[in-house]
């Protein structure tokens, strides 16, 4: 499970237990695109990541694979500069 990488504990006995013991361990080199989006894209590439609805009610759907591919394309472009 993806959350296991960042949350050492996900079950709590009470709200007080949660407030006292909740921790999110984010690595120093954390990158949302790579660590989250790409991980979901590898596991479930066709999962809906974003639904865009324009002012004219035109709908566009983006899967996690779409977001991963477009993010990689943008990163490669910036690297080329």
C-alpha atoms as a PDB file:
ATOM      1  CA  UNK A   1       0.000   0.000   0.000  1.00  0.00           C
ATOM      2  CA  UNK A   2       1.292   3.423  -0.937  1.00  0.00           C
ATOM      3  CA  UNK A   3       0.544   5.030   2.435  1.00  0.00           C
ATOM      4  CA  UNK A   4       2.683   2.460   4.268  1.00  0.00           C
ATOM      5  CA  UNK A   5       5.747   4.204   2.858  1.00  0.00           C
ATOM      6  CA  UNK A   6       4.897   7.462   4.616  1.00  0.00           C
ATOM      7  CA  UNK A   7       2.632   6.624   7.562  1.00  0.00           C
ATOM      8  CA  UNK A   8       4.126   4.239  10.119  1.00  0.00           C
ATOM      9  CA  UNK A   9       0.774   3.995  11.898  1.00  0.00           C
ATOM     10  CA  UNK A  10      -2.710   4.321  10.432  1.00  0.00           C
ATOM     11  CA  UNK A  11      -4.934   2.818  13.146  1.00  0.00           C
ATOM     12  CA  UNK A  12      -5.777   4.854  16.239  1.00  0.00           C
ATOM     13  CA  UNK A  13      -7.917   4.112  19.283  1.00  0.00           C
ATOM     14  CA  UNK A  14      -9.269   7.620  19.658  1.00  0.00           C
ATOM     15  CA  UNK A  15      -8.904  11.176  18.474  1.00  0.00           C
ATOM     16  CA  UNK A  16      -6.582  11.826  21.425  1.00  0.00           C
ATOM     17  CA  UNK A  17      -4.450   8.848  20.375  1.00  0.00           C
ATOM     18  CA  UNK A  18      -4.384  10.219  16.836  1.00  0.00           C
ATOM     19  CA  UNK A  19      -3.357  13.739  17.959  1.00  0.00           C
ATOM     20  CA  UNK A  20      -0.605  12.348  20.158  1.00  0.00           C
ATOM     21  CA  UNK A  21       0.807   9.681  17.837  1.00  0.00           C
ATOM     22  CA  UNK A  22       0.126  10.631  14.217  1.00  0.00           C
ATOM     23  CA  UNK A  23       3.320  10.963  12.178  1.00  0.00           C
ATOM     24  CA  UNK A  24       3.955  11.379   8.491  1.00  0.00           C
ATOM     25  CA  UNK A  25       7.486  10.437   7.493  1.00  0.00           C
ATOM     26  CA  UNK A  26       8.403  12.321   4.345  1.00  0.00           C
ATOM     27  CA  UNK A  27      11.851  11.532   2.930  1.00  0.00           C
ATOM     28  CA  UNK A  28      14.174  14.477   2.342  1.00  0.00           C
ATOM     29  CA  UNK A  29      14.177  13.689  -1.382  1.00  0.00           C
ATOM     30  CA  UNK A  30      10.367  13.378  -1.599  1.00  0.00           C
ATOM     31  CA  UNK A  31       8.963  14.207  -5.018  1.00  0.00           C
ATOM     32  CA  UNK A  32       5.164  14.117  -5.321  1.00  0.00           C
ATOM     33  CA  UNK A  33       5.266  13.379  -9.041  1.00  0.00           C
ATOM     34  CA  UNK A  34       7.621  10.430  -8.711  1.00  0.00           C
ATOM     35  CA  UNK A  35       6.743   9.111  -5.248  1.00  0.00           C
ATOM     36  CA  UNK A  36       2.960   9.359  -5.534  1.00  0.00           C
ATOM     37  CA  UNK A  37       1.718   9.914  -9.090  1.00  0.00           C
ATOM     38  CA  UNK A  38       4.196   7.554 -10.773  1.00  0.00           C
ATOM     39  CA  UNK A  39       3.659   4.902  -8.089  1.00  0.00           C
ATOM     40  CA  UNK A  40      -0.108   4.959  -8.650  1.00  0.00           C
ATOM     41  CA  UNK A  41       0.440   4.954 -12.427  1.00  0.00           C
ATOM     42  CA  UNK A  42       2.536   1.790 -12.136  1.00  0.00           C
ATOM     43  CA  UNK A  43      -0.066   0.052  -9.976  1.00  0.00           C
ATOM     44  CA  UNK A  44      -3.277   1.234 -11.669  1.00  0.00           C
ATOM     45  CA  UNK A  45      -2.465   3.225 -14.842  1.00  0.00           C
ATOM     46  CA  UNK A  46      -6.081   3.703 -15.935  1.00  0.00           C
ATOM     47  CA  UNK A  47      -7.271   5.082 -12.581  1.00  0.00           C
ATOM     48  CA  UNK A  48      -8.810   8.535 -12.924  1.00  0.00           C
ATOM     49  CA  UNK A  49      -6.423  11.180 -11.598  1.00  0.00           C
ATOM     50  CA  UNK A  50      -8.145  14.373 -12.704  1.00  0.00           C
ATOM     51  CA  UNK A  51     -11.443  15.393 -14.203  1.00  0.00           C
ATOM     52  CA  UNK A  52     -11.478  18.817 -15.853  1.00  0.00           C
ATOM     53  CA  UNK A  53     -14.747  20.525 -16.682  1.00  0.00           C
ATOM     54  CA  UNK A  54     -14.469  23.702 -18.748  1.00  0.00           C
ATOM     55  CA  UNK A  55     -16.752  26.696 -18.472  1.00  0.00           C
ATOM     56  CA  UNK A  56     -18.568  25.368 -21.517  1.00  0.00           C
ATOM     57  CA  UNK A  57     -19.064  22.017 -19.733  1.00  0.00           C
ATOM     58  CA  UNK A  58     -16.533  20.221 -21.911  1.00  0.00           C
ATOM     59  CA  UNK A  59     -15.154  17.309 -19.921  1.00  0.00           C
ATOM     60  CA  UNK A  60     -11.578  16.023 -20.085  1.00  0.00           C
ATOM     61  CA  UNK A  61     -10.390  12.988 -18.137  1.00  0.00           C
ATOM     62  CA  UNK A  62      -6.780  12.278 -17.221  1.00  0.00           C
ATOM     63  CA  UNK A  63      -5.578   8.943 -15.892  1.00  0.00           C
ATOM     64  CA  UNK A  64      -2.557   8.564 -13.642  1.00  0.00           C
ATOM     65  CA  UNK A  65      -0.678   7.252 -16.681  1.00  0.00           C
ATOM     66  CA  UNK A  66      -1.632  10.419 -18.601  1.00  0.00           C
ATOM     67  CA  UNK A  67      -0.379  12.634 -15.766  1.00  0.00           C
ATOM     68  CA  UNK A  68       2.834  10.590 -15.448  1.00  0.00           C
ATOM     69  CA  UNK A  69       3.518  10.786 -19.193  1.00  0.00           C
ATOM     70  CA  UNK A  70       2.765  14.509 -19.405  1.00  0.00           C
ATOM     71  CA  UNK A  71       4.865  15.226 -16.307  1.00  0.00           C
ATOM     72  CA  UNK A  72       7.797  13.297 -17.795  1.00  0.00           C
ATOM     73  CA  UNK A  73       7.382  15.188 -21.058  1.00  0.00           C
ATOM     74  CA  UNK A  74       7.488  18.546 -19.248  1.00  0.00           C
ATOM     75  CA  UNK A  75      10.521  17.476 -17.155  1.00  0.00           C
ATOM     76  CA  UNK A  76      12.386  16.332 -20.270  1.00  0.00           C
ATOM     77  CA  UNK A  77      11.618  19.645 -21.972  1.00  0.00           C
ATOM     78  CA  UNK A  78      12.906  21.664 -19.010  1.00  0.00           C
ATOM     79  CA  UNK A  79      16.014  19.454 -18.840  1.00  0.00           C
ATOM     80  CA  UNK A  80      16.691  20.160 -22.518  1.00  0.00           C
ATOM     81  CA  UNK A  81      16.742  23.898 -21.841  1.00  0.00           C
END
